[in-house]
Protein backbone atom coordinates (compact mmCIF):
# COMPACT_ATOMS: atom_id res chain seq x y z
CA MET A 1 -6.49 30.39 -55.27
CA PRO A 2 -6.99 30.93 -51.51
CA LEU A 3 -10.32 29.89 -50.05
CA THR A 4 -12.65 32.43 -48.53
CA THR A 5 -13.52 32.09 -44.85
CA GLU A 6 -16.85 30.50 -45.74
CA GLU A 7 -15.25 28.09 -48.21
CA ALA A 8 -12.57 27.11 -45.68
CA PHE A 9 -15.25 26.51 -43.06
CA ARG A 10 -17.24 24.20 -45.35
CA ARG A 11 -14.10 22.32 -46.35
CA TYR A 12 -13.02 21.87 -42.75
CA ARG A 13 -16.47 20.65 -41.73
CA GLU A 14 -16.29 17.96 -44.42
CA GLU A 15 -12.69 16.91 -43.74
CA ARG A 16 -12.71 17.05 -39.93
CA PRO A 17 -13.42 13.29 -39.45
CA ARG A 18 -10.34 12.46 -41.55
CA ILE A 19 -8.24 14.97 -39.64
CA GLN A 20 -9.44 13.51 -36.34
CA ALA A 21 -8.51 10.01 -37.50
CA ALA A 22 -5.04 11.20 -38.51
CA ALA A 23 -4.58 12.93 -35.15
CA GLU A 24 -5.55 9.78 -33.24
CA ALA A 25 -3.17 7.68 -35.36
CA THR A 26 -0.36 10.15 -34.74
CA GLY A 27 -1.04 10.16 -31.01
CA ALA A 28 -0.95 6.35 -30.93
CA HIS A 29 2.31 6.38 -32.91
CA LEU A 30 3.96 8.78 -30.46
CA ARG A 31 2.72 6.76 -27.47
CA GLN A 32 4.43 3.72 -28.89
CA ARG A 33 7.64 5.59 -29.68
CA THR A 34 7.88 7.31 -26.28
CA ALA A 35 7.16 3.99 -24.55
CA VAL A 36 10.05 2.36 -26.42
CA LYS A 37 12.33 5.13 -25.16
CA GLY A 38 11.01 4.76 -21.61
CA ILE A 39 9.64 8.32 -21.51
CA THR A 40 6.72 8.76 -19.13
CA CYS A 41 4.14 11.09 -20.64
CA GLN A 42 0.47 11.63 -21.37
CA ILE A 43 -0.50 12.25 -24.99
CA SER A 44 -3.87 13.57 -26.11
CA SER A 45 -5.06 14.38 -29.62
CA ARG A 46 -7.97 16.19 -31.15
CA ALA A 47 -9.21 17.93 -34.26
CA LYS A 48 -10.25 21.53 -33.76
CA GLU A 49 -13.96 21.96 -33.22
CA VAL A 50 -15.78 23.22 -36.29
CA SER A 51 -17.07 26.24 -34.37
CA SER A 52 -13.54 27.05 -33.16
CA PHE A 53 -12.20 26.86 -36.70
CA ASN A 54 -14.89 29.22 -37.92
CA THR A 55 -14.38 31.65 -35.05
CA LYS A 56 -10.61 31.74 -35.52
CA ALA A 57 -10.93 32.30 -39.26
CA TYR A 58 -13.38 35.15 -38.65
CA ARG A 59 -11.46 36.87 -35.83
CA LYS A 60 -7.99 36.62 -37.38
CA LYS A 61 -9.19 37.76 -40.82
CA TYR A 62 -6.73 35.46 -42.59
CA ALA A 63 -6.11 36.03 -46.28
CA ASP A 64 -5.88 32.23 -46.72
CA PRO A 65 -7.63 30.69 -43.69
CA TRP A 66 -7.34 27.08 -44.87
CA THR A 67 -3.55 27.28 -45.09
CA GLN A 68 -2.89 29.76 -42.29
CA ILE A 69 -4.85 27.89 -39.60
CA THR A 70 -2.14 25.34 -38.85
CA ASP A 71 -3.67 23.83 -35.71
CA LYS A 72 -6.58 22.04 -37.39
CA ALA A 73 -5.24 19.04 -35.48
CA GLY A 74 -3.52 19.38 -32.14
CA LEU A 75 -1.60 16.99 -29.93
CA ARG A 76 -0.50 17.65 -26.37
CA LEU A 77 2.41 15.75 -24.85
CA VAL A 78 2.72 16.27 -21.09
CA VAL A 79 5.72 15.02 -19.13
CA PRO A 80 6.15 14.91 -15.32
CA HIS A 81 9.24 17.16 -15.21
CA ARG A 82 11.43 19.40 -17.35
CA SER A 83 14.29 16.98 -17.94
CA LEU A 84 11.94 14.84 -20.08
CA LEU A 85 11.07 17.65 -22.50
CA ASP A 86 14.18 17.31 -24.63
CA PRO A 87 13.99 13.49 -24.86
CA ALA A 88 10.32 13.80 -25.83
CA LEU A 89 11.20 16.42 -28.43
CA ASP A 90 13.87 14.11 -29.83
CA VAL A 91 11.32 11.31 -30.19
CA ILE A 92 8.98 13.60 -32.12
CA LYS A 93 11.81 14.66 -34.44
CA GLU A 94 12.76 11.02 -35.03
CA SER A 95 9.17 9.86 -35.55
CA LEU A 96 7.58 12.58 -37.69
CA ASP A 97 8.44 14.90 -40.55
CA ILE A 98 8.99 18.26 -38.86
CA VAL A 99 7.80 21.51 -40.40
CA GLU A 100 8.79 23.92 -37.62
CA VAL A 101 9.86 23.97 -33.97
CA GLN A 102 9.00 26.95 -31.74
CA ASP A 103 11.11 26.75 -28.58
CA ASP A 104 10.99 29.77 -26.27
CA ARG A 105 12.56 28.07 -23.25
CA GLU A 106 15.99 29.61 -23.70
CA THR A 107 14.87 32.96 -25.08
CA GLN A 108 16.62 35.79 -23.28
CA ASP A 109 14.04 38.17 -21.89
CA ASP A 110 13.57 40.91 -19.37
CA GLU A 111 14.47 39.39 -15.99
CA TYR A 112 11.31 40.90 -14.52
CA HIS A 113 9.04 39.51 -17.23
CA LEU A 114 7.22 36.26 -16.53
CA ARG A 115 6.12 34.30 -19.57
CA TYR A 116 4.74 30.97 -20.71
CA PRO A 117 7.68 28.73 -21.81
CA ARG A 118 6.30 27.71 -25.20
CA LEU A 119 7.55 24.53 -26.89
CA HIS A 120 5.50 23.77 -29.99
CA VAL A 121 6.19 21.53 -32.99
CA GLN A 122 4.46 21.70 -36.34
CA ALA A 123 4.67 18.26 -37.98
CA VAL A 124 3.19 16.08 -40.70
CA MET A 125 0.86 13.45 -39.24
CA VAL A 126 1.43 9.74 -39.80
CA GLY A 127 -0.70 7.46 -41.93
CA PRO A 128 -2.05 7.49 -45.46
CA LEU A 129 -4.72 10.16 -44.94
CA GLU A 130 -4.32 13.25 -47.11
CA ASP A 131 -6.55 16.13 -48.08
CA PRO A 132 -8.30 16.05 -51.48
CA ASP A 133 -5.37 17.99 -52.98
CA GLY A 134 -3.00 15.17 -52.02
CA VAL A 135 -1.35 17.19 -49.24
CA PRO A 136 -0.60 15.29 -45.98
CA TYR A 137 -2.36 16.64 -42.92
CA GLN A 138 -0.30 18.50 -40.34
CA CYS A 139 -0.71 18.97 -36.59
CA GLU A 140 0.55 21.29 -33.89
CA ILE A 141 2.15 19.44 -30.97
CA GLN A 142 2.43 21.21 -27.61
CA LEU A 143 5.05 19.88 -25.19
CA ARG A 144 4.58 20.79 -21.54
CA THR A 145 5.38 19.71 -18.03
CA GLU A 146 2.44 18.79 -15.82
CA ALA A 147 2.82 22.06 -13.90
CA VAL A 148 2.89 24.19 -17.05
CA ASP A 149 -0.09 22.28 -18.46
CA LEU A 150 -2.10 22.98 -15.32
CA TRP A 151 -1.25 26.69 -15.47
CA SER A 152 -1.94 26.91 -19.19
CA ARG A 153 -5.36 25.26 -19.03
CA MET A 154 -6.42 27.36 -16.05
CA SER A 155 -5.13 30.65 -17.45
CA HIS A 156 -6.70 30.00 -20.84
CA ARG A 157 -10.14 29.75 -19.28
CA LEU A 158 -9.67 33.02 -17.40
CA LEU A 159 -7.56 35.17 -19.73
CA TYR A 160 -8.97 34.35 -23.14
CA LYS A 161 -12.71 34.77 -22.82
CA PRO A 162 -14.01 36.02 -26.20
CA GLY A 163 -14.82 39.73 -26.07
CA VAL A 164 -13.72 40.09 -22.44
CA THR A 165 -10.53 41.73 -21.19
CA PRO A 166 -9.63 40.48 -17.69
CA PRO A 167 -8.87 43.06 -15.00
CA PRO A 168 -5.14 43.86 -14.71
CA ASP A 169 -4.93 42.44 -11.19
CA VAL A 170 -6.32 39.10 -12.41
CA SER A 171 -3.86 38.93 -15.30
CA ARG A 172 -0.97 39.86 -13.03
CA SER A 173 -1.94 37.22 -10.45
CA LEU A 174 -2.07 34.51 -13.09
CA TYR A 175 1.29 35.45 -14.54
CA ARG A 176 2.82 35.58 -11.07
CA LEU A 177 1.89 31.91 -10.78
CA ILE A 178 4.45 31.13 -13.48
CA ALA A 179 7.14 31.75 -10.86
CA LEU A 180 5.57 28.99 -8.74
CA VAL A 181 5.38 26.74 -11.81
CA GLU A 182 9.11 27.22 -12.37
CA LEU A 183 9.83 26.50 -8.72
CA TYR A 184 7.61 23.41 -8.75
CA ASP A 185 9.31 22.04 -11.87
CA LEU A 186 12.75 22.62 -10.37
CA GLU A 187 11.85 20.80 -7.16
CA VAL A 188 10.33 17.85 -9.05
CA GLU A 189 13.47 17.64 -11.17
CA ARG A 190 15.62 17.71 -8.04
CA GLY A 191 13.55 14.91 -6.51
CA VAL A 192 13.90 12.79 -9.65
CA GLU A 193 17.65 13.28 -9.57
CA ALA A 194 17.76 12.24 -5.90
CA MET A 195 15.68 9.14 -6.65
CA SER A 196 18.14 8.11 -9.35
CA HIS A 197 20.67 7.40 -6.58
CA HIS A 198 18.41 4.60 -5.32
CA PRO A 199 18.56 2.24 -8.32
CA GLU A 200 16.21 -0.45 -7.00
CA LEU A 201 13.42 2.03 -6.33
CA ALA A 202 14.09 3.94 -9.54
CA ARG A 203 13.99 0.72 -11.58
CA SER A 204 10.65 -0.33 -10.12
CA ASN A 205 9.12 3.11 -10.73
CA LEU A 206 10.41 3.23 -14.29
CA ILE A 207 8.98 -0.16 -15.19
CA LEU A 208 5.61 0.65 -13.61
CA ASP A 209 5.43 4.03 -15.37
CA LEU A 210 6.18 2.34 -18.66
CA ALA A 211 3.54 -0.36 -18.12
CA GLU A 212 0.98 2.27 -17.18
CA GLN A 213 1.74 4.31 -20.28
CA ILE A 214 1.19 1.32 -22.56
CA TYR A 215 -1.86 0.19 -20.54
CA ARG A 216 -3.48 3.57 -21.19
CA THR A 217 -3.53 2.76 -24.89
CA PHE A 218 -6.09 0.06 -24.00
CA THR A 219 -8.19 1.69 -21.25
CA ASP A 220 -8.45 4.76 -19.03
CA HIS A 221 -10.00 2.78 -16.18
CA PRO A 222 -8.47 3.64 -12.76
CA TYR A 223 -6.30 1.11 -10.98
CA SER A 224 -4.65 0.59 -7.58
CA ARG A 225 -1.07 1.86 -7.56
CA ASP A 226 -0.51 0.28 -4.13
CA LEU A 227 -1.39 -3.12 -5.57
CA SER A 228 0.90 -2.38 -8.51
CA ARG A 229 3.84 -1.82 -6.20
CA ASP A 230 3.21 -5.12 -4.42
CA ILE A 231 3.18 -6.95 -7.74
CA LEU A 232 6.18 -5.03 -9.14
CA ASP A 233 8.32 -6.13 -6.18
CA ILE A 234 7.92 -9.66 -7.53
CA LEU A 235 8.09 -8.92 -11.23
CA VAL A 236 11.38 -6.98 -11.10
CA GLN A 237 13.03 -10.10 -9.69
CA THR A 238 12.41 -11.81 -13.02
CA ILE A 239 13.81 -9.00 -15.22
CA ASP A 240 17.57 -8.81 -15.73
CA ASP A 241 17.81 -6.34 -18.60
CA GLU A 242 15.75 -3.46 -17.17
CA GLU A 243 17.53 -0.90 -19.35
CA THR A 244 16.16 -2.52 -22.51
CA TYR A 245 13.00 -3.99 -21.01
CA GLY A 246 10.89 -1.03 -22.12
CA GLU A 247 11.58 -1.80 -25.75
CA ARG A 248 10.89 -5.50 -25.18
CA LEU A 249 7.56 -4.83 -23.45
CA THR A 250 6.49 -2.37 -26.14
CA GLU A 251 7.35 -4.78 -28.95
CA PHE A 252 5.57 -7.62 -27.14
CA THR A 253 2.46 -5.47 -26.70
CA GLU A 254 2.36 -4.39 -30.33
CA ARG A 255 2.93 -7.94 -31.56
CA HIS A 256 0.04 -9.25 -29.42
CA ARG A 257 -2.12 -6.11 -29.32
CA LYS A 258 -5.30 -7.77 -30.63
CA ARG A 259 -4.87 -10.68 -28.25
CA ILE A 260 -4.31 -8.38 -25.27
CA GLN A 261 -7.22 -6.16 -26.27
CA GLN A 262 -9.48 -9.21 -26.35
CA ALA A 263 -8.14 -10.33 -22.97
CA TYR A 264 -9.08 -6.99 -21.42
CA ALA A 265 -12.50 -7.11 -23.07
CA ASP A 266 -13.15 -10.59 -21.65
CA TYR A 267 -11.51 -10.24 -18.22
CA GLY A 268 -10.67 -6.57 -17.68
CA PRO A 269 -12.26 -3.91 -15.44
CA THR A 270 -15.49 -3.63 -17.45
CA SER A 271 -15.92 -7.33 -18.19
CA ASP A 272 -18.64 -9.61 -16.79
CA HIS A 273 -15.99 -11.79 -15.16
CA PHE A 274 -14.76 -8.87 -13.10
CA LEU A 275 -18.03 -7.04 -12.43
CA LYS A 276 -20.03 -10.13 -11.45
CA HIS A 277 -17.43 -12.28 -9.73
CA GLY A 278 -14.51 -10.02 -8.81
CA ARG A 279 -12.12 -12.50 -10.40
CA TYR A 280 -9.08 -11.73 -12.52
CA MET A 281 -8.24 -8.63 -10.50
CA LEU A 282 -4.81 -8.19 -12.05
CA ALA A 283 -6.34 -7.87 -15.53
CA SER A 284 -7.47 -4.43 -14.33
CA GLN A 285 -3.90 -3.37 -13.54
CA PRO A 286 -1.14 -2.03 -15.86
CA GLU A 287 1.35 -4.61 -14.56
CA SER A 288 -0.84 -7.21 -16.28
CA LEU A 289 1.15 -6.41 -19.43
CA ILE A 290 4.38 -7.39 -17.70
CA ILE A 291 2.76 -10.55 -16.35
CA PHE A 292 1.63 -11.53 -19.86
CA GLU A 293 5.12 -10.91 -21.22
CA ARG A 294 6.77 -12.86 -18.40
CA LEU A 295 4.29 -15.72 -18.80
CA ALA A 296 5.23 -15.86 -22.48
CA HIS A 297 9.00 -15.73 -21.98
CA ALA A 298 9.89 -16.58 -18.37
CA ARG A 299 6.90 -18.33 -16.84
CA PHE A 300 8.80 -20.76 -14.62
CA ARG A 301 11.00 -17.99 -13.26
CA LEU A 302 7.87 -15.93 -12.63
CA LYS A 303 6.19 -18.84 -10.88
CA SER A 304 9.22 -19.37 -8.66
CA ALA A 305 9.39 -15.69 -7.66
CA TRP A 306 5.63 -15.59 -7.04
CA GLU A 307 5.51 -18.60 -4.68
CA ASP A 308 5.05 -17.77 -1.00
CA GLN A 309 4.91 -14.06 -1.82
CA LEU A 310 1.46 -13.57 -3.35
CA PRO A 311 -1.71 -15.70 -3.68
CA HIS A 312 -1.14 -18.44 -6.24
CA THR A 313 -4.62 -17.99 -7.70
CA MET A 314 -3.76 -14.46 -8.82
CA LEU A 315 -1.06 -15.84 -11.10
CA THR A 316 -3.05 -18.85 -12.30
CA ASP A 317 -5.91 -16.52 -13.23
CA MET A 318 -3.54 -14.52 -15.43
CA ALA A 319 -2.11 -17.71 -16.93
CA HIS A 320 -5.66 -18.80 -17.74
CA ILE A 321 -6.29 -15.50 -19.53
CA TRP A 322 -3.10 -15.91 -21.53
CA GLY A 323 -4.01 -19.49 -22.38
CA ILE A 324 -1.16 -21.39 -20.73
CA ALA A 325 -0.88 -23.78 -17.80
CA LEU A 326 1.33 -23.33 -14.75
């Protein structure tokens, strides 16, 4: 028997911590899977706020609010440009049990009508958590480019105020911005294609983007991208199989995740070592993951490439963290 709005609200309030845990586990799973595929993206996850659940159930007047509110958990996967949307969608399809895909990107529409290019996936979340009826929790995953995400977040604040209808000129202005979003995405895509004709630069950027993506699973602390590029110039000299290196780095990180997490706790950007003494600077950088991997599998080659290029103490500090001698 369907739950009433009040019953659904009470049930959601009780189950929300479990739904949040499932959403976080699913986000972590997709970060790992996209990293293996070398897809640069930002993934966020959340369980719907209790007040939002209640408001939606009340406003929509669902006959079965518990079942019909399908976005109890939501994930957002944001990629830098449009050409990464399909690869990201493929990863989701390979990684999760899919319930439904809503893809409006190719929908034929009035040529004068500007619209939000929706790409949503309804999927079963990973992990053992289920509701008390034994039904696995589901989530709604929104896939967007950075430009579309910016427009969507901004327009949502202005166009969807409860009980307020925005003036027509405001709505029209916001929807006109979609044309600029499309233009921006096209130009970014064109730039990415042009960069692909410079393999050395493209390789360095790809490896750094991958390292940053994995690093963000440990900390959101800011880092110096200029320093990263200086270090990457050395590190890429020690990597021969760059096409498969993403999978190697991801597997290395997952195999040693607890060890790396402890290393960042002891020597990373919020540690006493760093805050008091300014030592172990590279432990606050995403390329630290590559350094750890190279120290584990190619330390003498790394040492040779490092010599006369960068301060020796920077590398010996990282070797000390990893527990080996150079």
